[in-house]
Amino acid sequence: ILVSLMLALVAAQLLNYLLLGPWKDPAGFNFPQSVMFQYDAMVPILIPGTRVNVTLLVAFAFSLAAWVFMQRSFA
């Protein structure tokens, strides 16, 4: 548990370094943010006006695959 907590701090510090350093948006008014992705690189929205996107379908597919695997395995 201690190692997980320590690595979470390392990950947060790494993200802080990247957002304030190499990934910093030059037009970001000195806010720690990266440049926005192009529209073509974003995940498609399923229901307009909401934040529901294609990853919901991916999550259902992986859940179904995990269920099938658990039902068919001999464990």
Protein backbone atom coordinates (compact mmCIF):
# COMPACT_ATOMS: atom_id res chain seq x y z
CA ILE A 1 0.00 0.00 0.00
CA LEU A 2 2.82 2.39 0.85
CA VAL A 3 4.47 1.88 -2.54
CA SER A 4 1.19 2.67 -4.32
CA LEU A 5 0.81 5.91 -2.40
CA MET A 6 4.39 6.90 -3.12
CA LEU A 7 4.05 6.13 -6.84
CA ALA A 8 0.85 8.21 -6.99
CA LEU A 9 2.88 11.17 -5.75
CA VAL A 10 5.56 10.49 -8.36
CA ALA A 11 2.91 10.36 -11.10
CA ALA A 12 1.35 13.63 -9.91
CA GLN A 13 4.75 15.34 -9.88
CA LEU A 14 5.55 14.02 -13.35
CA LEU A 15 2.25 15.36 -14.68
CA ASN A 16 2.91 18.69 -13.00
CA TYR A 17 6.36 18.88 -14.61
CA LEU A 18 4.98 18.04 -18.06
CA LEU A 19 2.12 20.56 -17.88
CA LEU A 20 4.39 23.34 -16.68
CA GLY A 21 7.24 22.40 -19.02
CA PRO A 22 7.29 20.58 -22.36
CA TRP A 23 3.52 20.19 -22.85
CA LYS A 24 2.60 23.74 -21.83
CA ASP A 25 0.29 25.61 -24.21
CA PRO A 26 2.09 28.77 -25.41
CA ALA A 27 -1.27 30.53 -25.82
CA GLY A 28 -2.59 29.34 -22.45
CA PHE A 29 -2.22 32.65 -20.52
CA ASN A 30 0.25 30.97 -18.12
CA PHE A 31 -2.30 28.35 -16.99
CA PRO A 32 -0.92 24.81 -16.55
CA GLN A 33 -2.69 23.23 -19.51
CA SER A 34 -1.64 21.44 -22.66
CA VAL A 35 -2.62 22.28 -26.20
CA MET A 36 -6.13 21.09 -27.10
CA PHE A 37 -6.37 18.02 -29.30
CA GLN A 38 -7.58 18.44 -32.86
CA TYR A 39 -11.25 17.65 -33.35
CA ASP A 40 -10.40 14.62 -35.51
CA ALA A 41 -8.33 13.10 -32.67
CA MET A 42 -11.11 13.28 -30.07
CA VAL A 43 -13.35 10.37 -29.10
CA PRO A 44 -16.73 10.58 -30.87
CA ILE A 45 -19.77 11.61 -28.79
CA LEU A 46 -22.67 9.12 -28.76
CA ILE A 47 -25.42 11.39 -27.42
CA PRO A 48 -25.15 15.04 -28.47
CA GLY A 49 -25.29 17.50 -25.60
CA THR A 50 -23.79 15.01 -23.13
CA ARG A 51 -20.32 13.66 -22.41
CA VAL A 52 -21.28 10.05 -23.24
CA ASN A 53 -18.79 8.80 -25.81
CA VAL A 54 -17.70 5.62 -27.55
CA THR A 55 -15.74 4.41 -24.52
CA LEU A 56 -19.07 3.42 -22.95
CA LEU A 57 -19.51 0.83 -25.71
CA VAL A 58 -15.91 -0.31 -25.26
CA ALA A 59 -16.50 -0.77 -21.52
CA PHE A 60 -19.64 -2.85 -22.17
CA ALA A 61 -17.76 -4.97 -24.73
CA PHE A 62 -14.89 -5.65 -22.31
CA SER A 63 -17.35 -6.43 -19.52
CA LEU A 64 -19.16 -8.90 -21.72
CA ALA A 65 -15.87 -10.48 -22.81
CA ALA A 66 -14.76 -10.80 -19.18
CA TRP A 67 -18.09 -12.38 -18.22
CA VAL A 68 -17.87 -14.88 -21.09
CA PHE A 69 -14.29 -15.70 -20.13
CA MET A 70 -15.26 -16.25 -16.49
CA GLN A 71 -18.20 -18.48 -17.46
CA ARG A 72 -16.14 -20.60 -19.87
CA SER A 73 -13.02 -20.98 -17.74
CA PHE A 74 -12.47 -23.95 -15.45
CA ALA A 75 -11.29 -21.87 -12.51
